[in-house]
Amino acid sequence: MRLIFVRHGETRWNRTLQYQGQAPIPLNERGREQARRAGQRLARSGAVALYSSDLPRAWETAEIIGEYVHLHPIAMPDLREIDVGLWQGLTPTELYQRFPEHMREYDRDPAHTVRLGGESYAQLQARVLRAFTQIEAAHRTGETIIVVSHGGSIRALFCHIIGLDLVNFGKLWLDNGSLSEIVRGRSGWRLLRMNDVAHLEDLVVEGGE
């Protein structure tokens, strides 16, 4: 079994480095083109199922990809991005200005500090693992499955797959529209590739969560 993860296409908040969390921000035109190119790249993947976060930026990405792989997305709310609570809409600079004590706590323990009114990375990881377990149970050895989700959600899962402590979460990166892949072999799941952007060429622009 192999799972191919796609980070959703770009939004205007990715460009401005504003935390999106679970806000209903749609793709911008660059994001739609990233989704089209990801779909073209996956057209011959042989995927038997397409799962997606139900947040608009991921769902639109999945619908575009679905046109190329001839699959309808299956919504999984557990694949949503981390709930950032009061961080939503703010930039990192604004966060440190508005909530200095909270951000000091976050810097001390980024894995377990709960965002104001939101989730922690540890809570996000537990939620995404629940979705991962459901997908794994629904499919057979040898099948290929596409999963459209978010930078935070995919990285939280990969930390679990490779045994990386969540304190190192921020050292991993996924570009909008990138492909990453895990495969299950005799010794369990392995990370085969991460942040593959060969199909994006000039469309890679570093953005926020």
N, C-alpha and C. Protein backbone atom coordinates (compact mmCIF):
# COMPACT_ATOMS: atom_id res chain seq x y z
N MET A 1 0.84 -1.19 0.00
CA MET A 1 0.00 0.00 0.00
C MET A 1 0.88 1.25 0.00
N ARG A 2 0.45 2.23 -0.78
CA ARG A 2 1.16 3.51 -0.72
C ARG A 2 0.15 4.64 -0.63
N LEU A 3 0.52 5.64 0.14
CA LEU A 3 -0.29 6.83 0.30
C LEU A 3 0.49 8.01 -0.24
N ILE A 4 -0.11 8.73 -1.18
CA ILE A 4 0.50 9.93 -1.74
C ILE A 4 -0.23 11.14 -1.16
N PHE A 5 0.51 11.97 -0.43
CA PHE A 5 -0.06 13.14 0.21
C PHE A 5 0.20 14.38 -0.64
N VAL A 6 -0.81 15.20 -0.77
CA VAL A 6 -0.69 16.46 -1.49
C VAL A 6 -1.03 17.60 -0.52
N ARG A 7 -0.10 18.54 -0.37
CA ARG A 7 -0.47 19.74 0.38
C ARG A 7 -1.33 20.61 -0.54
N HIS A 8 -2.38 21.16 -0.01
CA HIS A 8 -3.29 21.99 -0.80
C HIS A 8 -2.55 23.10 -1.54
N GLY A 9 -3.17 23.64 -2.57
CA GLY A 9 -2.59 24.74 -3.31
C GLY A 9 -2.57 26.03 -2.50
N GLU A 10 -1.92 27.00 -3.06
CA GLU A 10 -1.69 28.27 -2.36
C GLU A 10 -2.98 29.09 -2.20
N THR A 11 -3.04 29.85 -1.11
CA THR A 11 -4.10 30.84 -0.86
C THR A 11 -3.44 32.20 -0.66
N ARG A 12 -4.26 33.23 -0.62
CA ARG A 12 -3.69 34.56 -0.40
C ARG A 12 -3.07 34.68 0.98
N TRP A 13 -3.57 33.94 1.97
CA TRP A 13 -2.98 33.98 3.30
C TRP A 13 -1.64 33.26 3.35
N ASN A 14 -1.43 32.27 2.49
CA ASN A 14 -0.09 31.68 2.39
C ASN A 14 0.92 32.72 1.96
N ARG A 15 0.52 33.58 1.04
CA ARG A 15 1.42 34.60 0.51
C ARG A 15 1.75 35.67 1.56
N THR A 16 0.78 35.98 2.42
CA THR A 16 0.97 37.04 3.41
C THR A 16 1.44 36.50 4.77
N LEU A 17 1.68 35.17 4.84
CA LEU A 17 2.17 34.51 6.05
C LEU A 17 1.21 34.63 7.23
N GLN A 18 -0.09 34.66 6.94
CA GLN A 18 -1.09 34.68 7.99
C GLN A 18 -1.49 33.24 8.35
N TYR A 19 -1.62 32.99 9.63
CA TYR A 19 -2.04 31.65 10.06
C TYR A 19 -3.49 31.41 9.64
N GLN A 20 -3.70 30.31 8.92
CA GLN A 20 -5.03 30.00 8.41
C GLN A 20 -5.82 29.08 9.32
N GLY A 21 -5.13 28.09 9.89
CA GLY A 21 -5.84 27.13 10.71
C GLY A 21 -7.00 26.52 9.96
N GLN A 22 -8.19 26.63 10.51
CA GLN A 22 -9.37 26.06 9.89
C GLN A 22 -10.27 27.12 9.24
N ALA A 23 -9.71 28.28 8.96
CA ALA A 23 -10.46 29.34 8.29
C ALA A 23 -10.81 28.91 6.86
N PRO A 24 -11.98 29.30 6.36
CA PRO A 24 -12.42 28.88 5.01
C PRO A 24 -11.83 29.75 3.92
N ILE A 25 -10.52 29.73 3.78
CA ILE A 25 -9.84 30.55 2.78
C ILE A 25 -9.72 29.75 1.48
N PRO A 26 -10.18 30.29 0.35
CA PRO A 26 -10.12 29.55 -0.92
C PRO A 26 -8.73 29.64 -1.56
N LEU A 27 -8.51 28.82 -2.55
CA LEU A 27 -7.28 28.88 -3.34
C LEU A 27 -7.23 30.19 -4.13
N ASN A 28 -6.01 30.69 -4.36
CA ASN A 28 -5.85 31.76 -5.34
C ASN A 28 -5.53 31.11 -6.69
N GLU A 29 -5.29 31.92 -7.71
CA GLU A 29 -5.07 31.35 -9.04
C GLU A 29 -3.80 30.51 -9.09
N ARG A 30 -2.76 30.94 -8.39
CA ARG A 30 -1.54 30.12 -8.33
C ARG A 30 -1.85 28.77 -7.69
N GLY A 31 -2.66 28.80 -6.65
CA GLY A 31 -3.03 27.56 -5.97
C GLY A 31 -3.80 26.61 -6.87
N ARG A 32 -4.69 27.16 -7.68
CA ARG A 32 -5.44 26.30 -8.61
C ARG A 32 -4.52 25.70 -9.67
N GLU A 33 -3.55 26.47 -10.13
CA GLU A 33 -2.60 25.95 -11.10
C GLU A 33 -1.72 24.88 -10.46
N GLN A 34 -1.32 25.07 -9.21
CA GLN A 34 -0.56 24.04 -8.50
C GLN A 34 -1.37 22.75 -8.41
N ALA A 35 -2.67 22.88 -8.13
CA ALA A 35 -3.53 21.70 -8.04
C ALA A 35 -3.65 21.01 -9.40
N ARG A 36 -3.78 21.79 -10.46
CA ARG A 36 -3.87 21.19 -11.80
C ARG A 36 -2.60 20.42 -12.14
N ARG A 37 -1.46 21.01 -11.82
CA ARG A 37 -0.20 20.32 -12.13
C ARG A 37 -0.03 19.07 -11.27
N ALA A 38 -0.46 19.13 -10.02
CA ALA A 38 -0.41 17.93 -9.18
C ALA A 38 -1.31 16.86 -9.78
N GLY A 39 -2.49 17.25 -10.26
CA GLY A 39 -3.39 16.30 -10.88
C GLY A 39 -2.80 15.66 -12.11
N GLN A 40 -2.15 16.47 -12.93
CA GLN A 40 -1.50 15.94 -14.13
C GLN A 40 -0.40 14.95 -13.76
N ARG A 41 0.33 15.27 -12.72
CA ARG A 41 1.42 14.39 -12.27
C ARG A 41 0.87 13.06 -11.75
N LEU A 42 -0.32 13.11 -11.16
CA LEU A 42 -0.90 11.91 -10.54
C LEU A 42 -1.82 11.13 -11.47
N ALA A 43 -1.98 11.61 -12.69
CA ALA A 43 -2.96 11.02 -13.60
C ALA A 43 -2.73 9.53 -13.83
N ARG A 44 -1.48 9.10 -13.80
CA ARG A 44 -1.16 7.69 -14.03
C ARG A 44 -0.75 6.97 -12.75
N SER A 45 -1.15 7.49 -11.63
CA SER A 45 -0.75 6.90 -10.34
C SER A 45 -1.47 5.58 -10.06
N GLY A 46 -2.61 5.38 -10.70
CA GLY A 46 -3.39 4.17 -10.44
C GLY A 46 -4.13 4.22 -9.11
N ALA A 47 -4.33 5.41 -8.59
CA ALA A 47 -4.99 5.55 -7.29
C ALA A 47 -6.41 5.00 -7.33
N VAL A 48 -6.82 4.34 -6.24
CA VAL A 48 -8.16 3.77 -6.14
C VAL A 48 -9.07 4.61 -5.26
N ALA A 49 -8.51 5.58 -4.54
CA ALA A 49 -9.33 6.43 -3.67
C ALA A 49 -8.64 7.76 -3.48
N LEU A 50 -9.45 8.79 -3.22
CA LEU A 50 -8.97 10.15 -3.02
C LEU A 50 -9.66 10.71 -1.78
N TYR A 51 -8.88 10.92 -0.73
CA TYR A 51 -9.41 11.48 0.51
C TYR A 51 -8.95 12.92 0.65
N SER A 52 -9.75 13.72 1.37
CA SER A 52 -9.38 15.12 1.52
C SER A 52 -9.92 15.71 2.82
N SER A 53 -9.18 16.62 3.38
CA SER A 53 -9.72 17.54 4.39
C SER A 53 -10.91 18.24 3.76
N ASP A 54 -11.89 18.58 4.59
CA ASP A 54 -13.09 19.25 4.06
C ASP A 54 -12.97 20.77 4.09
N LEU A 55 -11.81 21.32 4.49
CA LEU A 55 -11.63 22.77 4.43
C LEU A 55 -11.53 23.21 2.97
N PRO A 56 -12.06 24.38 2.62
CA PRO A 56 -12.17 24.78 1.21
C PRO A 56 -10.88 24.70 0.41
N ARG A 57 -9.75 25.11 0.97
CA ARG A 57 -8.51 25.11 0.18
C ARG A 57 -8.04 23.71 -0.16
N ALA A 58 -8.28 22.76 0.75
CA ALA A 58 -7.93 21.37 0.46
C ALA A 58 -8.97 20.72 -0.44
N TRP A 59 -10.23 20.99 -0.17
CA TRP A 59 -11.30 20.35 -0.95
C TRP A 59 -11.25 20.77 -2.41
N GLU A 60 -11.01 22.06 -2.65
CA GLU A 60 -10.90 22.52 -4.04
C GLU A 60 -9.71 21.88 -4.73
N THR A 61 -8.60 21.77 -4.00
CA THR A 61 -7.42 21.08 -4.54
C THR A 61 -7.77 19.64 -4.92
N ALA A 62 -8.48 18.95 -4.03
CA ALA A 62 -8.86 17.56 -4.28
C ALA A 62 -9.82 17.43 -5.46
N GLU A 63 -10.74 18.34 -5.59
CA GLU A 63 -11.68 18.28 -6.71
C GLU A 63 -10.95 18.45 -8.04
N ILE A 64 -9.97 19.36 -8.07
CA ILE A 64 -9.19 19.54 -9.30
C ILE A 64 -8.39 18.29 -9.61
N ILE A 65 -7.72 17.74 -8.61
CA ILE A 65 -6.95 16.51 -8.80
C ILE A 65 -7.87 15.37 -9.25
N GLY A 66 -9.06 15.33 -8.66
CA GLY A 66 -10.01 14.27 -8.99
C GLY A 66 -10.38 14.22 -10.46
N GLU A 67 -10.36 15.38 -11.12
CA GLU A 67 -10.67 15.40 -12.55
C GLU A 67 -9.62 14.65 -13.36
N TYR A 68 -8.39 14.64 -12.88
CA TYR A 68 -7.29 13.98 -13.60
C TYR A 68 -7.18 12.49 -13.25
N VAL A 69 -7.54 12.13 -12.03
CA VAL A 69 -7.40 10.73 -11.61
C VAL A 69 -8.75 10.01 -11.65
N HIS A 70 -9.81 10.71 -12.07
CA HIS A 70 -11.15 10.14 -12.24
C HIS A 70 -11.69 9.55 -10.94
N LEU A 71 -11.52 10.34 -9.87
CA LEU A 71 -12.04 9.94 -8.56
C LEU A 71 -12.74 11.12 -7.91
N HIS A 72 -13.77 10.84 -7.12
CA HIS A 72 -14.44 11.87 -6.35
C HIS A 72 -13.84 11.90 -4.95
N PRO A 73 -13.53 13.07 -4.44
CA PRO A 73 -12.94 13.15 -3.09
C PRO A 73 -13.89 12.62 -2.02
N ILE A 74 -13.30 12.01 -1.01
CA ILE A 74 -14.03 11.56 0.18
C ILE A 74 -13.61 12.47 1.33
N ALA A 75 -14.57 13.16 1.93
CA ALA A 75 -14.25 14.13 2.98
C ALA A 75 -13.89 13.43 4.29
N MET A 76 -12.79 13.88 4.91
CA MET A 76 -12.39 13.40 6.22
C MET A 76 -12.02 14.61 7.08
N PRO A 77 -12.92 15.06 7.94
CA PRO A 77 -12.63 16.23 8.78
C PRO A 77 -11.38 16.09 9.65
N ASP A 78 -11.02 14.86 10.01
CA ASP A 78 -9.82 14.68 10.83
C ASP A 78 -8.53 15.06 10.10
N LEU A 79 -8.61 15.25 8.78
CA LEU A 79 -7.44 15.67 8.01
C LEU A 79 -7.28 17.19 7.98
N ARG A 80 -8.15 17.90 8.68
CA ARG A 80 -8.06 19.37 8.70
C ARG A 80 -6.74 19.84 9.29
N GLU A 81 -6.40 21.08 8.97
CA GLU A 81 -5.23 21.72 9.56
C GLU A 81 -5.47 21.93 11.06
N ILE A 82 -4.41 22.20 11.79
CA ILE A 82 -4.51 22.48 13.21
C ILE A 82 -5.42 23.68 13.43
N ASP A 83 -6.24 23.60 14.48
CA ASP A 83 -7.08 24.73 14.88
C ASP A 83 -6.17 25.72 15.62
N VAL A 84 -5.96 26.87 15.02
CA VAL A 84 -5.02 27.84 15.61
C VAL A 84 -5.70 28.83 16.54
N GLY A 85 -7.01 28.73 16.71
CA GLY A 85 -7.69 29.61 17.65
C GLY A 85 -7.47 31.08 17.34
N LEU A 86 -7.01 31.84 18.34
CA LEU A 86 -6.82 33.28 18.18
C LEU A 86 -5.62 33.64 17.32
N TRP A 87 -4.85 32.64 16.91
CA TRP A 87 -3.75 32.91 15.98
C TRP A 87 -4.28 33.21 14.57
N GLN A 88 -5.49 32.80 14.31
CA GLN A 88 -6.04 32.88 12.96
C GLN A 88 -5.99 34.30 12.40
N GLY A 89 -5.42 34.42 11.20
CA GLY A 89 -5.34 35.70 10.51
C GLY A 89 -4.14 36.53 10.88
N LEU A 90 -3.37 36.09 11.88
CA LEU A 90 -2.21 36.86 12.33
C LEU A 90 -0.93 36.34 11.69
N THR A 91 0.06 37.18 11.59
CA THR A 91 1.39 36.78 11.15
C THR A 91 2.23 36.42 12.37
N PRO A 92 3.34 35.71 12.19
CA PRO A 92 4.20 35.42 13.34
C PRO A 92 4.62 36.66 14.11
N THR A 93 4.96 37.73 13.41
CA THR A 93 5.36 38.97 14.09
C THR A 93 4.23 39.50 14.96
N GLU A 94 3.01 39.49 14.44
CA GLU A 94 1.86 39.98 15.20
C GLU A 94 1.59 39.12 16.42
N LEU A 95 1.81 37.82 16.30
CA LEU A 95 1.60 36.93 17.43
C LEU A 95 2.49 37.30 18.61
N TYR A 96 3.78 37.51 18.34
CA TYR A 96 4.72 37.84 19.41
C TYR A 96 4.43 39.21 20.01
N GLN A 97 3.86 40.09 19.22
CA GLN A 97 3.50 41.41 19.73
C GLN A 97 2.25 41.36 20.61
N ARG A 98 1.26 40.57 20.22
CA ARG A 98 -0.02 40.55 20.93
C ARG A 98 -0.03 39.59 22.11
N PHE A 99 0.65 38.47 22.00
CA PHE A 99 0.59 37.43 23.03
C PHE A 99 1.99 37.00 23.46
N PRO A 100 2.79 37.92 24.02
CA PRO A 100 4.19 37.59 24.33
C PRO A 100 4.34 36.45 25.33
N GLU A 101 3.52 36.40 26.38
CA GLU A 101 3.65 35.33 27.38
C GLU A 101 3.28 33.98 26.77
N HIS A 102 2.20 33.97 26.02
CA HIS A 102 1.78 32.73 25.37
C HIS A 102 2.85 32.24 24.40
N MET A 103 3.47 33.14 23.66
CA MET A 103 4.48 32.73 22.70
C MET A 103 5.76 32.26 23.38
N ARG A 104 6.06 32.80 24.56
CA ARG A 104 7.20 32.28 25.31
C ARG A 104 6.93 30.85 25.74
N GLU A 105 5.68 30.58 26.16
CA GLU A 105 5.30 29.21 26.51
C GLU A 105 5.39 28.30 25.29
N TYR A 106 4.94 28.80 24.16
CA TYR A 106 5.01 28.01 22.92
C TYR A 106 6.47 27.71 22.56
N ASP A 107 7.34 28.68 22.68
CA ASP A 107 8.76 28.46 22.35
C ASP A 107 9.39 27.43 23.28
N ARG A 108 8.93 27.37 24.53
CA ARG A 108 9.47 26.39 25.49
C ARG A 108 9.00 24.97 25.16
N ASP A 109 7.74 24.85 24.71
CA ASP A 109 7.17 23.53 24.44
C ASP A 109 6.23 23.60 23.24
N PRO A 110 6.80 23.67 22.02
CA PRO A 110 5.96 23.83 20.82
C PRO A 110 5.04 22.65 20.55
N ALA A 111 5.38 21.46 21.03
CA ALA A 111 4.56 20.28 20.73
C ALA A 111 3.27 20.25 21.52
N HIS A 112 3.31 20.74 22.77
CA HIS A 112 2.15 20.56 23.65
C HIS A 112 1.44 21.86 24.02
N THR A 113 1.97 22.99 23.64
CA THR A 113 1.30 24.25 23.94
C THR A 113 0.06 24.39 23.07
N VAL A 114 -1.08 24.56 23.72
CA VAL A 114 -2.34 24.70 23.00
C VAL A 114 -2.49 26.14 22.53
N ARG A 115 -2.71 26.33 21.25
CA ARG A 115 -2.96 27.67 20.74
C ARG A 115 -4.20 28.24 21.42
N LEU A 116 -4.25 29.53 21.58
CA LEU A 116 -5.32 30.18 22.34
C LEU A 116 -6.67 29.88 21.71
N GLY A 117 -7.44 29.00 22.35
CA GLY A 117 -8.73 28.60 21.81
C GLY A 117 -8.64 27.55 20.72
N GLY A 118 -7.47 26.94 20.53
CA GLY A 118 -7.29 25.98 19.45
C GLY A 118 -6.73 24.66 19.92
N GLU A 119 -5.76 24.12 19.17
CA GLU A 119 -5.17 22.82 19.44
C GLU A 119 -3.66 22.94 19.62
N SER A 120 -3.06 21.89 20.11
CA SER A 120 -1.60 21.75 20.11
C SER A 120 -1.19 20.83 18.98
N TYR A 121 0.11 20.79 18.68
CA TYR A 121 0.61 19.86 17.67
C TYR A 121 0.32 18.42 18.10
N ALA A 122 0.43 18.13 19.40
CA ALA A 122 0.17 16.78 19.88
C ALA A 122 -1.28 16.39 19.62
N GLN A 123 -2.20 17.31 19.86
CA GLN A 123 -3.62 17.04 19.58
C GLN A 123 -3.87 16.87 18.08
N LEU A 124 -3.21 17.70 17.29
CA LEU A 124 -3.31 17.56 15.83
C LEU A 124 -2.83 16.19 15.39
N GLN A 125 -1.68 15.76 15.90
CA GLN A 125 -1.13 14.47 15.51
C GLN A 125 -2.08 13.33 15.85
N ALA A 126 -2.68 13.37 17.04
CA ALA A 126 -3.61 12.32 17.44
C ALA A 126 -4.82 12.27 16.50
N ARG A 127 -5.30 13.43 16.10
CA ARG A 127 -6.45 13.51 15.21
C ARG A 127 -6.12 12.97 13.81
N VAL A 128 -4.97 13.37 13.28
CA VAL A 128 -4.57 12.91 11.95
C VAL A 128 -4.28 11.41 11.95
N LEU A 129 -3.72 10.91 13.04
CA LEU A 129 -3.47 9.47 13.14
C LEU A 129 -4.78 8.69 13.11
N ARG A 130 -5.82 9.27 13.65
CA ARG A 130 -7.13 8.61 13.60
C ARG A 130 -7.60 8.47 12.15
N ALA A 131 -7.43 9.52 11.37
CA ALA A 131 -7.80 9.45 9.94
C ALA A 131 -6.92 8.46 9.20
N PHE A 132 -5.62 8.48 9.49
CA PHE A 132 -4.67 7.57 8.85
C PHE A 132 -5.05 6.11 9.11
N THR A 133 -5.40 5.81 10.35
CA THR A 133 -5.79 4.45 10.71
C THR A 133 -7.04 4.01 9.96
N GLN A 134 -7.99 4.92 9.79
CA GLN A 134 -9.22 4.60 9.05
C GLN A 134 -8.93 4.33 7.58
N ILE A 135 -8.06 5.14 6.99
CA ILE A 135 -7.70 4.94 5.58
C ILE A 135 -6.97 3.61 5.41
N GLU A 136 -6.01 3.35 6.30
CA GLU A 136 -5.24 2.11 6.23
C GLU A 136 -6.15 0.89 6.32
N ALA A 137 -7.14 0.94 7.21
CA ALA A 137 -8.04 -0.21 7.41
C ALA A 137 -8.97 -0.43 6.22
N ALA A 138 -9.20 0.62 5.44
CA ALA A 138 -10.17 0.53 4.34
C ALA A 138 -9.57 0.02 3.04
N HIS A 139 -8.24 -0.19 3.00
CA HIS A 139 -7.60 -0.54 1.74
C HIS A 139 -6.66 -1.73 1.89
N ARG A 140 -6.36 -2.33 0.74
CA ARG A 140 -5.58 -3.55 0.71
C ARG A 140 -4.13 -3.28 0.32
N THR A 141 -3.28 -4.24 0.60
CA THR A 141 -1.89 -4.20 0.16
C THR A 141 -1.84 -4.03 -1.36
N GLY A 142 -0.95 -3.16 -1.82
CA GLY A 142 -0.79 -2.94 -3.25
C GLY A 142 -1.59 -1.79 -3.80
N GLU A 143 -2.54 -1.26 -3.03
CA GLU A 143 -3.35 -0.15 -3.52
C GLU A 143 -2.65 1.19 -3.30
N THR A 144 -2.97 2.14 -4.17
CA THR A 144 -2.45 3.51 -4.06
C THR A 144 -3.61 4.43 -3.71
N ILE A 145 -3.38 5.27 -2.71
CA ILE A 145 -4.40 6.19 -2.23
C ILE A 145 -3.82 7.59 -2.22
N ILE A 146 -4.60 8.57 -2.66
CA ILE A 146 -4.19 9.98 -2.62
C ILE A 146 -4.90 10.66 -1.45
N VAL A 147 -4.14 11.46 -0.70
CA VAL A 147 -4.69 12.18 0.44
C VAL A 147 -4.32 13.65 0.31
N VAL A 148 -5.32 14.52 0.25
CA VAL A 148 -5.08 15.96 0.18
C VAL A 148 -5.30 16.56 1.56
N SER A 149 -4.28 17.21 2.07
CA SER A 149 -4.39 17.76 3.42
C SER A 149 -3.57 19.04 3.53
N HIS A 150 -3.03 19.29 4.70
CA HIS A 150 -2.40 20.57 5.02
C HIS A 150 -0.97 20.35 5.50
N GLY A 151 -0.19 21.42 5.43
CA GLY A 151 1.21 21.31 5.83
C GLY A 151 1.39 20.80 7.24
N GLY A 152 0.63 21.35 8.17
CA GLY A 152 0.75 20.92 9.56
C GLY A 152 0.30 19.49 9.76
N SER A 153 -0.80 19.12 9.16
CA SER A 153 -1.36 17.79 9.34
C SER A 153 -0.44 16.70 8.78
N ILE A 154 0.07 16.94 7.59
CA ILE A 154 0.95 15.94 6.96
C ILE A 154 2.26 15.81 7.73
N ARG A 155 2.82 16.93 8.14
CA ARG A 155 4.08 16.88 8.90
C ARG A 155 3.90 16.19 10.25
N ALA A 156 2.76 16.40 10.90
CA ALA A 156 2.49 15.73 12.17
C ALA A 156 2.45 14.22 11.99
N LEU A 157 1.82 13.77 10.90
CA LEU A 157 1.79 12.33 10.61
C LEU A 157 3.18 11.80 10.31
N PHE A 158 3.95 12.54 9.52
CA PHE A 158 5.28 12.07 9.16
C PHE A 158 6.20 11.98 10.38
N CYS A 159 6.03 12.87 11.34
CA CYS A 159 6.81 12.76 12.58
C CYS A 159 6.55 11.41 13.24
N HIS A 160 5.30 10.99 13.22
CA HIS A 160 4.96 9.68 13.79
C HIS A 160 5.57 8.55 12.96
N ILE A 161 5.47 8.65 11.64
CA ILE A 161 5.96 7.58 10.76
C ILE A 161 7.45 7.34 10.94
N ILE A 162 8.23 8.41 11.04
CA ILE A 162 9.69 8.26 11.11
C ILE A 162 10.23 8.35 12.54
N GLY A 163 9.33 8.45 13.51
CA GLY A 163 9.76 8.47 14.91
C GLY A 163 10.45 9.76 15.31
N LEU A 164 10.05 10.87 14.71
CA LEU A 164 10.64 12.17 15.02
C LEU A 164 9.82 12.87 16.08
N ASP A 165 10.49 13.32 17.14
CA ASP A 165 9.78 14.04 18.20
C ASP A 165 9.14 15.30 17.65
N LEU A 166 7.94 15.59 18.12
CA LEU A 166 7.21 16.75 17.62
C LEU A 166 7.92 18.07 17.89
N VAL A 167 8.87 18.08 18.79
CA VAL A 167 9.62 19.31 19.02
C VAL A 167 10.37 19.74 17.76
N ASN A 168 10.63 18.78 16.87
CA ASN A 168 11.33 19.05 15.61
C ASN A 168 10.38 19.29 14.44
N PHE A 169 9.10 19.40 14.72
CA PHE A 169 8.07 19.59 13.71
C PHE A 169 8.41 20.70 12.73
N GLY A 170 8.87 21.83 13.24
CA GLY A 170 9.14 22.99 12.41
C GLY A 170 10.33 22.83 11.48
N LYS A 171 11.12 21.78 11.65
CA LYS A 171 12.28 21.56 10.78
C LYS A 171 11.88 20.85 9.49
N LEU A 172 10.64 20.39 9.40
CA LEU A 172 10.12 19.80 8.17
C LEU A 172 9.36 20.87 7.41
N TRP A 173 9.35 20.77 6.09
CA TRP A 173 8.62 21.75 5.29
C TRP A 173 7.97 21.10 4.09
N LEU A 174 6.79 21.59 3.75
CA LEU A 174 6.06 21.16 2.56
C LEU A 174 5.57 22.39 1.81
N ASP A 175 5.89 22.47 0.53
CA ASP A 175 5.40 23.56 -0.30
C ASP A 175 3.97 23.30 -0.74
N ASN A 176 3.25 24.36 -1.04
CA ASN A 176 1.89 24.22 -1.57
C ASN A 176 1.93 23.43 -2.88
N GLY A 177 1.06 22.43 -2.98
CA GLY A 177 0.99 21.62 -4.18
C GLY A 177 2.02 20.50 -4.26
N SER A 178 2.82 20.34 -3.21
CA SER A 178 3.87 19.31 -3.23
C SER A 178 3.29 17.92 -3.01
N LEU A 179 4.06 16.92 -3.46
CA LEU A 179 3.71 15.52 -3.27
C LEU A 179 4.68 14.88 -2.29
N SER A 180 4.15 14.05 -1.41
CA SER A 180 4.96 13.26 -0.49
C SER A 180 4.36 11.86 -0.45
N GLU A 181 5.17 10.88 -0.12
CA GLU A 181 4.68 9.50 -0.24
C GLU A 181 5.22 8.62 0.87
N ILE A 182 4.34 7.79 1.42
CA ILE A 182 4.76 6.74 2.35
C ILE A 182 4.30 5.40 1.79
N VAL A 183 5.07 4.36 2.07
CA VAL A 183 4.73 3.02 1.60
C VAL A 183 4.80 2.05 2.77
N ARG A 184 3.95 1.04 2.71
CA ARG A 184 3.96 0.02 3.77
C ARG A 184 4.60 -1.26 3.25
N GLY A 185 5.66 -1.65 3.90
CA GLY A 185 6.36 -2.88 3.55
C GLY A 185 6.34 -3.86 4.70
N ARG A 186 7.24 -4.83 4.66
CA ARG A 186 7.27 -5.87 5.69
C ARG A 186 7.59 -5.30 7.07
N SER A 187 8.38 -4.24 7.10
CA SER A 187 8.78 -3.66 8.39
C SER A 187 7.92 -2.47 8.80
N GLY A 188 6.79 -2.29 8.10
CA GLY A 188 5.89 -1.19 8.45
C GLY A 188 5.99 -0.04 7.45
N TRP A 189 5.53 1.11 7.88
CA TRP A 189 5.49 2.28 7.00
C TRP A 189 6.84 2.96 6.92
N ARG A 190 7.16 3.42 5.71
CA ARG A 190 8.40 4.16 5.47
C ARG A 190 8.10 5.42 4.67
N LEU A 191 8.85 6.46 4.94
CA LEU A 191 8.74 7.69 4.16
C LEU A 191 9.59 7.54 2.91
N LEU A 192 8.94 7.54 1.75
CA LEU A 192 9.64 7.31 0.49
C LEU A 192 10.11 8.61 -0.15
N ARG A 193 9.27 9.65 -0.13
CA ARG A 193 9.66 10.95 -0.66
C ARG A 193 8.86 12.03 0.06
N MET A 194 9.44 13.23 0.07
CA MET A 194 8.80 14.33 0.79
C MET A 194 9.05 15.63 0.04
N ASN A 195 7.99 16.44 -0.09
CA ASN A 195 8.06 17.76 -0.72
C ASN A 195 8.59 17.68 -2.16
N ASP A 196 8.06 16.75 -2.92
CA ASP A 196 8.41 16.62 -4.34
C ASP A 196 7.66 17.72 -5.10
N VAL A 197 8.41 18.65 -5.67
CA VAL A 197 7.81 19.79 -6.39
C VAL A 197 8.29 19.85 -7.84
N ALA A 198 8.71 18.72 -8.38
CA ALA A 198 9.23 18.69 -9.74
C ALA A 198 8.21 19.18 -10.77
N HIS A 199 6.93 19.06 -10.45
CA HIS A 199 5.87 19.46 -11.38
C HIS A 199 5.53 20.94 -11.28
N LEU A 200 6.09 21.64 -10.31
CA LEU A 200 5.66 23.01 -10.06
C LEU A 200 6.57 24.07 -10.67
N GLU A 201 7.82 23.75 -10.91
CA GLU A 201 8.76 24.67 -11.55
C GLU A 201 8.72 26.05 -10.91
N ASP A 202 8.16 27.06 -11.58
CA ASP A 202 8.19 28.43 -11.08
C ASP A 202 7.04 28.74 -10.13
N LEU A 203 6.30 27.73 -9.69
CA LEU A 203 5.12 27.98 -8.85
C LEU A 203 5.38 27.75 -7.37
N VAL A 204 6.61 27.53 -6.98
CA VAL A 204 6.93 27.29 -5.59
C VAL A 204 7.23 28.62 -4.92
N VAL A 205 6.41 28.98 -3.96
CA VAL A 205 6.61 30.21 -3.18
C VAL A 205 6.41 29.86 -1.72
N GLU A 206 7.42 30.05 -0.90
CA GLU A 206 7.31 29.70 0.51
C GLU A 206 6.25 30.55 1.18
N GLY A 207 5.35 29.88 1.88
CA GLY A 207 4.29 30.60 2.58
C GLY A 207 4.07 30.05 3.96
N GLY A 208 3.05 30.55 4.63
CA GLY A 208 2.76 30.12 5.99
C GLY A 208 1.90 28.88 6.03
N GLU A 209 1.41 28.54 7.23
CA GLU A 209 0.63 27.33 7.42
C GLU A 209 -0.72 27.43 6.72
